């Protein structure tokens, strides 16, 4: 149990980093790590090749509680699984640190089974796919077929296939027909980006 003085010191320190609103949230009352942990974690993450450790910690404060052994193991494990820049992946999606290798392996297998030629590249370009359910991915495959589009083209265009919400597919298909455009990833993304549907 920490003293009231130490608790207040930690609270004031982390309030400057995370803001008053986040400190007041339910995730923080028992998660006020010692003040020294912050600088030590910044140095350790920088030493491990992370470009913006402050942003990572702000995005996922629980990193302050992760051991460097855990982080090193995750970097090694991702490298062993064919990921070329694990630090970049983790920086863009820090929640990867909390995923088990079983989860990551299952996602790679599932994506391969669904026709994705390079799941590692796909995950690297959009790490949040690790949090997508296969039901969600399967629904997008069905919707792409409904567009009568070349599924391979869509699968290769990660930002369109994964980044776009399923609810947008049918309205975009209608807009393609209305504009006499073939539903290629490029045309779909153009309509999506300009909110023309």
N, C-alpha and C. Protein backbone atom coordinates (compact mmCIF):
# COMPACT_ATOMS: atom_id res chain seq x y z
N UNK A 1 0.85 -1.19 0.00
CA UNK A 1 0.00 0.00 0.00
C UNK A 1 0.89 1.24 0.00
N UNK A 2 0.64 2.15 -0.93
CA UNK A 2 1.47 3.35 -0.98
C UNK A 2 0.90 4.43 -0.06
N UNK A 3 1.77 5.33 0.36
CA UNK A 3 1.34 6.40 1.27
C UNK A 3 0.50 7.41 0.49
N UNK A 4 -0.27 8.20 1.23
CA UNK A 4 -1.11 9.22 0.61
C UNK A 4 -0.24 10.22 -0.16
N UNK A 5 0.95 10.53 0.39
CA UNK A 5 1.86 11.47 -0.26
C UNK A 5 2.33 10.92 -1.61
N UNK A 6 2.76 9.64 -1.61
CA UNK A 6 3.22 9.02 -2.87
C UNK A 6 2.10 8.91 -3.89
N UNK A 7 0.91 8.59 -3.41
CA UNK A 7 -0.24 8.47 -4.31
C UNK A 7 -0.52 9.82 -4.98
N UNK A 8 -0.49 10.90 -4.18
CA UNK A 8 -0.75 12.23 -4.72
C UNK A 8 0.35 12.62 -5.71
N UNK A 9 1.61 12.31 -5.38
CA UNK A 9 2.73 12.60 -6.28
C UNK A 9 2.53 11.90 -7.63
N UNK A 10 2.17 10.62 -7.58
CA UNK A 10 1.95 9.86 -8.81
C UNK A 10 0.78 10.43 -9.60
N UNK A 11 -0.29 10.75 -8.90
CA UNK A 11 -1.49 11.26 -9.55
C UNK A 11 -1.19 12.57 -10.29
N UNK A 12 -0.48 13.48 -9.64
CA UNK A 12 -0.14 14.76 -10.27
C UNK A 12 0.78 14.55 -11.47
N UNK A 13 1.74 13.63 -11.34
CA UNK A 13 2.68 13.35 -12.43
C UNK A 13 1.94 12.79 -13.65
N UNK A 14 1.13 11.77 -13.42
CA UNK A 14 0.44 11.11 -14.55
C UNK A 14 -0.70 11.97 -15.11
N UNK A 15 -1.22 12.87 -14.30
CA UNK A 15 -2.25 13.77 -14.81
C UNK A 15 -1.67 14.66 -15.91
N UNK A 16 -0.39 15.07 -15.74
CA UNK A 16 0.27 15.90 -16.76
C UNK A 16 0.45 15.12 -18.06
N UNK A 17 0.65 13.83 -17.95
CA UNK A 17 0.90 13.00 -19.13
C UNK A 17 -0.39 12.58 -19.82
N UNK A 18 -1.34 12.09 -19.02
CA UNK A 18 -2.55 11.50 -19.60
C UNK A 18 -3.76 12.43 -19.58
N UNK A 19 -3.69 13.51 -18.84
CA UNK A 19 -4.83 14.41 -18.75
C UNK A 19 -5.76 14.02 -17.62
N UNK A 20 -6.45 14.99 -17.11
CA UNK A 20 -7.32 14.80 -15.94
C UNK A 20 -8.42 13.79 -16.20
N UNK A 21 -9.03 13.85 -17.39
CA UNK A 21 -10.17 12.98 -17.70
C UNK A 21 -9.78 11.49 -17.66
N UNK A 22 -8.62 11.17 -18.23
CA UNK A 22 -8.19 9.76 -18.25
C UNK A 22 -7.80 9.30 -16.86
N UNK A 23 -7.17 10.18 -16.09
CA UNK A 23 -6.76 9.80 -14.72
C UNK A 23 -8.00 9.50 -13.88
N UNK A 24 -9.08 10.20 -14.15
CA UNK A 24 -10.32 10.00 -13.38
C UNK A 24 -11.06 8.73 -13.82
N UNK A 25 -10.68 8.16 -14.96
CA UNK A 25 -11.40 6.98 -15.47
C UNK A 25 -11.12 5.76 -14.59
N UNK A 26 -11.95 4.77 -14.73
CA UNK A 26 -11.87 3.57 -13.90
C UNK A 26 -10.57 2.80 -14.07
N UNK A 27 -9.88 2.97 -15.22
CA UNK A 27 -8.68 2.19 -15.47
C UNK A 27 -7.48 2.65 -14.63
N UNK A 28 -7.55 3.85 -14.06
CA UNK A 28 -6.37 4.39 -13.41
C UNK A 28 -6.26 4.25 -11.89
N UNK A 29 -7.32 4.22 -11.11
CA UNK A 29 -7.12 4.27 -9.67
C UNK A 29 -6.06 3.32 -9.11
N UNK A 30 -6.00 2.09 -9.61
CA UNK A 30 -5.00 1.15 -9.08
C UNK A 30 -3.81 1.02 -10.03
N UNK A 31 -3.70 1.89 -11.03
CA UNK A 31 -2.65 1.77 -12.04
C UNK A 31 -1.69 2.96 -12.02
N UNK A 32 -1.49 3.55 -10.88
CA UNK A 32 -0.56 4.67 -10.80
C UNK A 32 0.82 4.14 -10.45
N UNK A 33 1.60 3.86 -11.49
CA UNK A 33 2.92 3.28 -11.32
C UNK A 33 3.86 4.30 -10.69
N UNK A 34 4.93 3.84 -10.05
CA UNK A 34 5.91 4.79 -9.51
C UNK A 34 6.39 5.74 -10.61
N UNK A 35 6.62 6.98 -10.23
CA UNK A 35 7.01 8.02 -11.18
C UNK A 35 8.27 7.61 -11.95
N UNK A 36 9.21 6.98 -11.29
CA UNK A 36 10.45 6.54 -11.93
C UNK A 36 10.22 5.54 -13.05
N UNK A 37 9.12 4.79 -12.98
CA UNK A 37 8.80 3.81 -14.03
C UNK A 37 8.66 4.47 -15.39
N UNK A 38 8.12 5.69 -15.40
CA UNK A 38 7.85 6.36 -16.66
C UNK A 38 9.15 6.62 -17.42
N UNK A 39 10.11 7.29 -16.78
CA UNK A 39 11.38 7.61 -17.45
C UNK A 39 12.14 6.34 -17.82
N UNK A 40 12.10 5.35 -16.93
CA UNK A 40 12.78 4.08 -17.21
C UNK A 40 12.16 3.40 -18.42
N UNK A 41 10.83 3.44 -18.51
CA UNK A 41 10.14 2.81 -19.64
C UNK A 41 10.44 3.55 -20.94
N UNK A 42 10.46 4.88 -20.89
CA UNK A 42 10.78 5.67 -22.09
C UNK A 42 12.18 5.30 -22.59
N UNK A 43 13.15 5.25 -21.67
CA UNK A 43 14.53 4.90 -22.06
C UNK A 43 14.59 3.49 -22.64
N UNK A 44 13.95 2.55 -21.97
CA UNK A 44 13.97 1.15 -22.41
C UNK A 44 13.32 0.96 -23.76
N UNK A 45 12.20 1.63 -24.00
CA UNK A 45 11.52 1.52 -25.29
C UNK A 45 12.36 2.17 -26.39
N UNK A 46 12.97 3.30 -26.08
CA UNK A 46 13.84 3.97 -27.05
C UNK A 46 15.02 3.08 -27.39
N UNK A 47 15.63 2.46 -26.38
CA UNK A 47 16.76 1.54 -26.60
C UNK A 47 16.37 0.35 -27.47
N UNK A 48 15.08 -0.01 -27.47
CA UNK A 48 14.60 -1.15 -28.24
C UNK A 48 14.13 -0.74 -29.64
N UNK A 49 14.37 0.50 -30.01
CA UNK A 49 14.08 0.93 -31.38
C UNK A 49 12.71 1.54 -31.60
N UNK A 50 11.97 1.83 -30.53
CA UNK A 50 10.66 2.47 -30.69
C UNK A 50 10.86 3.96 -30.89
N UNK A 51 10.22 4.51 -31.93
CA UNK A 51 10.44 5.90 -32.31
C UNK A 51 9.71 6.90 -31.41
N UNK A 52 8.52 6.56 -30.94
CA UNK A 52 7.75 7.51 -30.14
C UNK A 52 7.14 6.82 -28.92
N UNK A 53 8.00 6.51 -27.92
CA UNK A 53 7.50 5.78 -26.75
C UNK A 53 6.45 6.56 -25.96
N UNK A 54 6.55 7.89 -25.94
CA UNK A 54 5.54 8.67 -25.21
C UNK A 54 4.15 8.44 -25.80
N UNK A 55 4.08 8.46 -27.13
CA UNK A 55 2.79 8.25 -27.81
C UNK A 55 2.26 6.84 -27.52
N UNK A 56 3.16 5.86 -27.53
CA UNK A 56 2.76 4.48 -27.23
C UNK A 56 2.14 4.39 -25.84
N UNK A 57 2.82 4.98 -24.87
CA UNK A 57 2.36 4.90 -23.48
C UNK A 57 1.05 5.66 -23.32
N UNK A 58 0.93 6.80 -23.98
CA UNK A 58 -0.32 7.56 -23.90
C UNK A 58 -1.46 6.76 -24.50
N UNK A 59 -1.18 6.04 -25.58
CA UNK A 59 -2.20 5.22 -26.24
C UNK A 59 -2.57 4.00 -25.39
N UNK A 60 -1.58 3.40 -24.74
CA UNK A 60 -1.82 2.20 -23.93
C UNK A 60 -1.02 2.31 -22.62
N UNK A 61 -1.58 3.02 -21.63
CA UNK A 61 -0.85 3.25 -20.38
C UNK A 61 -0.38 1.98 -19.68
N UNK A 62 -1.05 0.86 -19.91
CA UNK A 62 -0.65 -0.37 -19.23
C UNK A 62 0.75 -0.83 -19.64
N UNK A 63 1.33 -0.23 -20.70
CA UNK A 63 2.71 -0.53 -21.07
C UNK A 63 3.63 -0.26 -19.89
N UNK A 64 3.27 0.71 -19.06
CA UNK A 64 4.10 1.03 -17.88
C UNK A 64 4.21 -0.17 -16.95
N UNK A 65 3.27 -1.07 -17.01
CA UNK A 65 3.30 -2.26 -16.17
C UNK A 65 3.92 -3.48 -16.83
N UNK A 66 4.24 -3.38 -18.13
CA UNK A 66 4.84 -4.52 -18.84
C UNK A 66 6.33 -4.59 -18.54
N UNK A 67 6.82 -5.78 -18.34
CA UNK A 67 8.26 -5.94 -18.13
C UNK A 67 8.97 -5.85 -19.47
N UNK A 68 10.25 -5.47 -19.43
CA UNK A 68 11.03 -5.43 -20.67
C UNK A 68 11.22 -6.84 -21.22
N UNK A 69 11.22 -7.84 -20.34
CA UNK A 69 11.33 -9.23 -20.80
C UNK A 69 10.13 -9.57 -21.68
N UNK A 70 8.94 -9.12 -21.26
CA UNK A 70 7.71 -9.37 -22.02
C UNK A 70 7.80 -8.67 -23.38
N UNK A 71 8.26 -7.43 -23.38
CA UNK A 71 8.36 -6.66 -24.63
C UNK A 71 9.39 -7.28 -25.55
N UNK A 72 10.55 -7.68 -24.99
CA UNK A 72 11.60 -8.31 -25.80
C UNK A 72 11.10 -9.62 -26.40
N UNK A 73 10.36 -10.39 -25.62
CA UNK A 73 9.82 -11.66 -26.11
C UNK A 73 8.84 -11.42 -27.26
N UNK A 74 8.04 -10.36 -27.14
CA UNK A 74 7.07 -10.05 -28.20
C UNK A 74 7.80 -9.65 -29.48
N UNK A 75 8.84 -8.84 -29.37
CA UNK A 75 9.62 -8.43 -30.55
C UNK A 75 10.24 -9.66 -31.21
N UNK A 76 10.86 -10.54 -30.40
CA UNK A 76 11.47 -11.76 -30.95
C UNK A 76 10.43 -12.64 -31.61
N UNK A 77 9.31 -12.83 -30.93
CA UNK A 77 8.25 -13.70 -31.45
C UNK A 77 7.68 -13.19 -32.76
N UNK A 78 7.48 -11.88 -32.87
CA UNK A 78 6.96 -11.31 -34.12
C UNK A 78 8.00 -11.45 -35.24
N UNK A 79 9.26 -11.24 -34.90
CA UNK A 79 10.33 -11.42 -35.90
C UNK A 79 10.37 -12.86 -36.37
N UNK A 80 10.27 -13.82 -35.43
CA UNK A 80 10.27 -15.25 -35.78
C UNK A 80 9.10 -15.62 -36.68
N UNK A 81 8.01 -14.86 -36.60
CA UNK A 81 6.82 -15.14 -37.39
C UNK A 81 6.83 -14.41 -38.74
N UNK A 82 7.95 -13.78 -39.07
CA UNK A 82 8.10 -13.18 -40.39
C UNK A 82 7.76 -11.71 -40.49
N UNK A 83 7.54 -11.06 -39.35
CA UNK A 83 7.25 -9.62 -39.38
C UNK A 83 8.57 -8.86 -39.46
N UNK A 84 8.65 -7.95 -40.44
CA UNK A 84 9.93 -7.28 -40.72
C UNK A 84 10.25 -6.15 -39.74
N UNK A 85 9.25 -5.47 -39.23
CA UNK A 85 9.50 -4.34 -38.33
C UNK A 85 8.52 -4.37 -37.15
N UNK A 86 8.78 -5.27 -36.18
CA UNK A 86 7.86 -5.39 -35.05
C UNK A 86 7.70 -4.10 -34.27
N UNK A 87 8.77 -3.32 -34.15
CA UNK A 87 8.68 -2.07 -33.40
C UNK A 87 7.67 -1.12 -34.05
N UNK A 88 7.70 -1.04 -35.37
CA UNK A 88 6.75 -0.16 -36.08
C UNK A 88 5.32 -0.65 -35.87
N UNK A 89 5.14 -1.97 -35.95
CA UNK A 89 3.81 -2.56 -35.73
C UNK A 89 3.29 -2.22 -34.35
N UNK A 90 4.14 -2.44 -33.35
CA UNK A 90 3.73 -2.21 -31.96
C UNK A 90 3.47 -0.73 -31.72
N UNK A 91 4.29 0.13 -32.34
CA UNK A 91 4.09 1.57 -32.17
C UNK A 91 2.73 1.98 -32.72
N UNK A 92 2.36 1.45 -33.89
CA UNK A 92 1.07 1.85 -34.48
C UNK A 92 -0.11 1.17 -33.79
N UNK A 93 0.13 0.05 -33.14
CA UNK A 93 -0.95 -0.64 -32.42
C UNK A 93 -0.38 -1.28 -31.15
N UNK A 94 -0.16 -0.47 -30.10
CA UNK A 94 0.48 -0.97 -28.87
C UNK A 94 -0.25 -2.15 -28.22
N UNK A 95 -1.53 -2.31 -28.52
CA UNK A 95 -2.29 -3.41 -27.91
C UNK A 95 -1.73 -4.78 -28.31
N UNK A 96 -0.89 -4.83 -29.36
CA UNK A 96 -0.26 -6.09 -29.77
C UNK A 96 0.54 -6.68 -28.61
N UNK A 97 1.08 -5.80 -27.76
CA UNK A 97 1.86 -6.29 -26.62
C UNK A 97 1.02 -7.18 -25.70
N UNK A 98 -0.27 -6.98 -25.70
CA UNK A 98 -1.14 -7.76 -24.84
C UNK A 98 -1.70 -9.02 -25.49
N UNK A 99 -1.40 -9.23 -26.79
CA UNK A 99 -1.92 -10.41 -27.49
C UNK A 99 -1.01 -11.61 -27.28
N UNK A 100 -1.61 -12.77 -27.18
CA UNK A 100 -0.81 -14.00 -27.06
C UNK A 100 -0.32 -14.40 -28.44
N UNK A 101 0.77 -15.17 -28.48
CA UNK A 101 1.26 -15.67 -29.76
C UNK A 101 0.27 -16.67 -30.36
N UNK A 102 -0.50 -17.36 -29.51
CA UNK A 102 -1.53 -18.27 -30.02
C UNK A 102 -2.55 -17.48 -30.85
N UNK A 103 -2.94 -16.31 -30.35
CA UNK A 103 -3.89 -15.46 -31.05
C UNK A 103 -3.31 -15.00 -32.39
N UNK A 104 -2.05 -14.57 -32.37
CA UNK A 104 -1.39 -14.08 -33.59
C UNK A 104 -1.24 -15.22 -34.60
N UNK A 105 -0.82 -16.40 -34.13
CA UNK A 105 -0.66 -17.56 -35.02
C UNK A 105 -1.99 -17.96 -35.64
N UNK A 106 -3.04 -17.94 -34.83
CA UNK A 106 -4.37 -18.29 -35.33
C UNK A 106 -4.81 -17.30 -36.42
N UNK A 107 -4.50 -16.02 -36.21
CA UNK A 107 -4.88 -15.01 -37.21
C UNK A 107 -4.11 -15.22 -38.51
N UNK A 108 -2.82 -15.51 -38.42
CA UNK A 108 -2.01 -15.76 -39.62
C UNK A 108 -2.56 -16.96 -40.38
N UNK A 109 -2.85 -18.06 -39.65
CA UNK A 109 -3.40 -19.27 -40.29
C UNK A 109 -4.75 -18.99 -40.94
N UNK A 110 -5.61 -18.29 -40.19
CA UNK A 110 -6.96 -17.99 -40.70
C UNK A 110 -6.94 -17.11 -41.94
N UNK A 111 -6.04 -16.13 -41.95
CA UNK A 111 -5.93 -15.26 -43.13
C UNK A 111 -5.40 -16.04 -44.32
N UNK A 112 -4.42 -16.91 -44.08
CA UNK A 112 -3.87 -17.76 -45.15
C UNK A 112 -4.97 -18.66 -45.71
N UNK A 113 -5.75 -19.28 -44.82
CA UNK A 113 -6.85 -20.16 -45.24
C UNK A 113 -7.88 -19.42 -46.08
N UNK A 114 -8.00 -18.11 -45.88
CA UNK A 114 -9.00 -17.31 -46.61
C UNK A 114 -8.45 -16.71 -47.90
N UNK A 115 -7.23 -17.09 -48.26
CA UNK A 115 -6.69 -16.66 -49.55
C UNK A 115 -5.75 -15.46 -49.51
N UNK A 116 -5.44 -14.99 -48.32
CA UNK A 116 -4.51 -13.87 -48.22
C UNK A 116 -3.10 -14.41 -48.43
N UNK A 117 -2.41 -13.86 -49.44
CA UNK A 117 -1.10 -14.40 -49.83
C UNK A 117 0.01 -14.06 -48.84
N UNK A 118 -0.06 -12.89 -48.22
CA UNK A 118 1.00 -12.46 -47.32
C UNK A 118 0.40 -11.84 -46.06
N UNK A 119 -0.10 -12.70 -45.15
CA UNK A 119 -0.75 -12.19 -43.94
C UNK A 119 0.15 -11.28 -43.10
N UNK A 120 1.46 -11.60 -43.08
CA UNK A 120 2.37 -10.77 -42.29
C UNK A 120 2.41 -9.34 -42.83
N UNK A 121 2.46 -9.20 -44.15
CA UNK A 121 2.47 -7.87 -44.75
C UNK A 121 1.16 -7.15 -44.47
N UNK A 122 0.06 -7.89 -44.56
CA UNK A 122 -1.25 -7.32 -44.32
C UNK A 122 -1.36 -6.83 -42.88
N UNK A 123 -0.94 -7.66 -41.93
CA UNK A 123 -0.99 -7.30 -40.51
C UNK A 123 -0.06 -6.12 -40.24
N UNK A 124 1.10 -6.11 -40.89
CA UNK A 124 2.05 -5.01 -40.69
C UNK A 124 1.44 -3.69 -41.15
N UNK A 125 0.76 -3.70 -42.30
CA UNK A 125 0.20 -2.46 -42.82
C UNK A 125 -1.04 -2.03 -42.05
N UNK A 126 -1.73 -2.96 -41.40
CA UNK A 126 -2.91 -2.62 -40.61
C UNK A 126 -2.98 -3.54 -39.40
N UNK A 127 -2.15 -3.29 -38.37
CA UNK A 127 -2.07 -4.20 -37.22
C UNK A 127 -3.40 -4.43 -36.50
N UNK A 128 -4.33 -3.48 -36.64
CA UNK A 128 -5.60 -3.65 -35.94
C UNK A 128 -6.38 -4.87 -36.44
N UNK A 129 -5.97 -5.44 -37.59
CA UNK A 129 -6.64 -6.65 -38.09
C UNK A 129 -6.53 -7.79 -37.08
N UNK A 130 -5.51 -7.74 -36.22
CA UNK A 130 -5.34 -8.79 -35.21
C UNK A 130 -6.53 -8.82 -34.25
N UNK A 131 -7.22 -7.70 -34.15
CA UNK A 131 -8.39 -7.63 -33.28
C UNK A 131 -9.70 -7.93 -33.99
N UNK A 132 -9.68 -8.14 -35.31
CA UNK A 132 -10.89 -8.43 -36.07
C UNK A 132 -11.27 -9.90 -35.91
N UNK A 133 -12.54 -10.15 -35.81
CA UNK A 133 -12.99 -11.54 -35.76
C UNK A 133 -13.01 -12.10 -37.18
N UNK A 134 -12.91 -13.43 -37.28
CA UNK A 134 -13.00 -14.05 -38.60
C UNK A 134 -14.39 -13.87 -39.19
N UNK A 135 -15.41 -13.74 -38.34
CA UNK A 135 -16.77 -13.49 -38.84
C UNK A 135 -16.79 -12.16 -39.60
N UNK A 136 -16.12 -11.15 -39.05
CA UNK A 136 -16.05 -9.84 -39.69
C UNK A 136 -15.33 -9.94 -41.03
N UNK A 137 -14.21 -10.63 -41.04
CA UNK A 137 -13.43 -10.79 -42.28
C UNK A 137 -14.23 -11.58 -43.31
N UNK A 138 -14.89 -12.66 -42.87
CA UNK A 138 -15.70 -13.47 -43.79
C UNK A 138 -16.84 -12.65 -44.39
N UNK A 139 -17.45 -11.79 -43.57
CA UNK A 139 -18.54 -10.94 -44.07
C UNK A 139 -18.01 -10.01 -45.16
N UNK A 140 -16.81 -9.47 -44.96
CA UNK A 140 -16.24 -8.57 -45.98
C UNK A 140 -15.92 -9.33 -47.26
N UNK A 141 -15.50 -10.57 -47.13
CA UNK A 141 -15.25 -11.39 -48.33
C UNK A 141 -16.57 -11.58 -49.09
N UNK A 142 -17.64 -11.90 -48.36
CA UNK A 142 -18.96 -12.08 -49.01
C UNK A 142 -19.41 -10.79 -49.69
N UNK A 143 -19.22 -9.65 -49.00
CA UNK A 143 -19.63 -8.37 -49.57
C UNK A 143 -18.82 -8.02 -50.81
N UNK A 144 -17.53 -8.36 -50.80
CA UNK A 144 -16.68 -8.09 -51.97
C UNK A 144 -17.17 -8.92 -53.15
N UNK A 145 -17.56 -10.16 -52.88
CA UNK A 145 -18.12 -11.00 -53.97
C UNK A 145 -19.42 -10.41 -54.47
N UNK A 146 -20.21 -9.86 -53.54
CA UNK A 146 -21.48 -9.24 -53.92
C UNK A 146 -21.23 -8.02 -54.82
N UNK A 147 -20.11 -7.34 -54.60
CA UNK A 147 -19.74 -6.21 -55.46
C UNK A 147 -19.40 -6.70 -56.87
N UNK A 148 -19.27 -8.04 -57.01
CA UNK A 148 -18.80 -8.65 -58.26
C UNK A 148 -17.42 -8.10 -58.63
N UNK A 149 -16.65 -7.88 -57.59
CA UNK A 149 -15.30 -7.37 -57.77
C UNK A 149 -14.32 -8.53 -57.70
N UNK A 150 -13.10 -8.29 -58.16
CA UNK A 150 -12.07 -9.32 -58.08
C UNK A 150 -11.59 -9.38 -56.64
N UNK A 151 -11.91 -10.47 -55.98
CA UNK A 151 -11.61 -10.61 -54.56
C UNK A 151 -10.12 -10.43 -54.28
N UNK A 152 -9.28 -10.96 -55.16
CA UNK A 152 -7.84 -10.84 -54.98
C UNK A 152 -7.37 -9.39 -54.95
N UNK A 153 -7.97 -8.57 -55.82
CA UNK A 153 -7.61 -7.15 -55.85
C UNK A 153 -7.96 -6.48 -54.53
N UNK A 154 -9.13 -6.84 -53.99
CA UNK A 154 -9.55 -6.24 -52.73
C UNK A 154 -8.70 -6.73 -51.57
N UNK A 155 -8.38 -8.01 -51.58
CA UNK A 155 -7.55 -8.57 -50.52
C UNK A 155 -6.18 -7.90 -50.51
N UNK A 156 -5.65 -7.62 -51.71
CA UNK A 156 -4.34 -6.96 -51.80
C UNK A 156 -4.39 -5.50 -51.40
N UNK A 157 -5.57 -4.91 -51.42
CA UNK A 157 -5.72 -3.49 -51.05
C UNK A 157 -6.24 -3.44 -49.61
N UNK A 158 -5.34 -3.67 -48.68
CA UNK A 158 -5.69 -3.81 -47.27
C UNK A 158 -6.55 -2.67 -46.74
N UNK A 159 -6.19 -1.44 -47.10
CA UNK A 159 -6.91 -0.29 -46.55
C UNK A 159 -8.39 -0.31 -46.93
N UNK A 160 -8.69 -0.80 -48.14
CA UNK A 160 -10.08 -0.88 -48.57
C UNK A 160 -10.75 -2.10 -47.95
N UNK A 161 -10.09 -3.25 -48.04
CA UNK A 161 -10.73 -4.48 -47.58
C UNK A 161 -10.94 -4.49 -46.06
N UNK A 162 -9.92 -4.16 -45.32
CA UNK A 162 -10.00 -4.24 -43.87
C UNK A 162 -10.41 -2.92 -43.25
N UNK A 163 -9.90 -1.82 -43.80
CA UNK A 163 -10.12 -0.52 -43.17
C UNK A 163 -11.52 0.03 -43.31
N UNK A 164 -12.27 -0.46 -44.25
CA UNK A 164 -13.60 0.06 -44.52
C UNK A 164 -14.66 -0.73 -43.76
N UNK A 165 -15.61 -0.05 -43.19
CA UNK A 165 -16.70 -0.71 -42.47
C UNK A 165 -17.60 -1.48 -43.44
N UNK A 166 -18.07 -2.63 -43.00
CA UNK A 166 -18.94 -3.47 -43.83
C UNK A 166 -20.19 -2.73 -44.29
N UNK A 167 -20.71 -1.85 -43.45
CA UNK A 167 -21.96 -1.16 -43.79
C UNK A 167 -21.82 -0.24 -45.00
N UNK A 168 -20.57 0.06 -45.40
CA UNK A 168 -20.36 0.96 -46.54
C UNK A 168 -20.31 0.25 -47.88
N UNK A 169 -20.13 -1.05 -47.87
CA UNK A 169 -19.94 -1.77 -49.12
C UNK A 169 -21.12 -1.63 -50.08
N UNK A 170 -22.34 -1.90 -49.61
CA UNK A 170 -23.50 -1.88 -50.51
C UNK A 170 -23.79 -0.47 -51.02
N UNK A 171 -23.79 0.58 -50.14
CA UNK A 171 -24.00 1.93 -50.68
C UNK A 171 -22.93 2.33 -51.70
N UNK A 172 -21.70 1.89 -51.49
CA UNK A 172 -20.63 2.20 -52.44
C UNK A 172 -20.87 1.45 -53.76
N UNK A 173 -21.33 0.21 -53.66
CA UNK A 173 -21.66 -0.54 -54.88
C UNK A 173 -22.73 0.20 -55.68
N UNK A 174 -23.76 0.67 -55.00
CA UNK A 174 -24.81 1.42 -55.69
C UNK A 174 -24.23 2.67 -56.37
N UNK A 175 -23.34 3.36 -55.66
CA UNK A 175 -22.74 4.57 -56.22
C UNK A 175 -21.87 4.23 -57.44
N UNK A 176 -21.15 3.12 -57.38
CA UNK A 176 -20.35 2.69 -58.54
C UNK A 176 -21.26 2.49 -59.75
N UNK A 177 -22.39 1.80 -59.54
CA UNK A 177 -23.31 1.55 -60.64
C UNK A 177 -23.88 2.86 -61.19
N UNK A 178 -24.24 3.76 -60.25
CA UNK A 178 -24.81 5.05 -60.63
C UNK A 178 -23.81 5.86 -61.48
N UNK A 179 -22.52 5.76 -61.13
CA UNK A 179 -21.49 6.51 -61.85
C UNK A 179 -20.88 5.70 -63.00
N UNK A 180 -21.43 4.52 -63.26
CA UNK A 180 -20.90 3.60 -64.29
C UNK A 180 -19.41 3.31 -64.09
N UNK A 181 -19.05 3.07 -62.85
CA UNK A 181 -17.67 2.74 -62.51
C UNK A 181 -17.56 1.26 -62.16
N UNK A 182 -16.48 0.65 -62.60
CA UNK A 182 -16.21 -0.72 -62.19
C UNK A 182 -15.82 -0.71 -60.70
N UNK A 183 -16.31 -1.67 -59.91
CA UNK A 183 -15.99 -1.65 -58.47
C UNK A 183 -14.57 -2.16 -58.18
N UNK A 184 -13.59 -1.42 -58.64
CA UNK A 184 -12.20 -1.76 -58.33
C UNK A 184 -11.85 -1.16 -56.97
N UNK A 185 -10.82 -1.67 -56.32
CA UNK A 185 -10.44 -1.06 -55.03
C UNK A 185 -10.19 0.44 -55.15
N UNK A 186 -9.57 0.84 -56.26
CA UNK A 186 -9.27 2.27 -56.45
C UNK A 186 -10.56 3.10 -56.50
N UNK A 187 -11.55 2.65 -57.29
CA UNK A 187 -12.81 3.38 -57.39
C UNK A 187 -13.58 3.35 -56.08
N UNK A 188 -13.59 2.18 -55.45
CA UNK A 188 -14.29 2.05 -54.16
C UNK A 188 -13.66 2.99 -53.14
N UNK A 189 -12.33 3.01 -53.09
CA UNK A 189 -11.67 3.88 -52.11
C UNK A 189 -11.91 5.35 -52.42
N UNK A 190 -11.95 5.71 -53.71
CA UNK A 190 -12.19 7.09 -54.09
C UNK A 190 -13.57 7.53 -53.59
N UNK A 191 -14.59 6.69 -53.81
CA UNK A 191 -15.94 7.00 -53.37
C UNK A 191 -15.98 7.05 -51.83
N UNK A 192 -15.31 6.09 -51.21
CA UNK A 192 -15.28 6.03 -49.75
C UNK A 192 -14.59 7.27 -49.17
N UNK A 193 -13.41 7.61 -49.69
CA UNK A 193 -12.63 8.72 -49.15
C UNK A 193 -13.35 10.06 -49.33
N UNK A 194 -14.06 10.21 -50.46
CA UNK A 194 -14.75 11.47 -50.71
C UNK A 194 -16.17 11.49 -50.13
N UNK A 195 -16.55 10.39 -49.49
CA UNK A 195 -17.89 10.28 -48.88
C UNK A 195 -18.98 10.58 -49.90
N UNK A 196 -18.86 9.97 -51.08
CA UNK A 196 -19.83 10.21 -52.16
C UNK A 196 -21.03 9.26 -52.11
N UNK A 197 -21.09 8.38 -51.16
CA UNK A 197 -22.15 7.37 -51.13
C UNK A 197 -23.23 7.72 -50.12
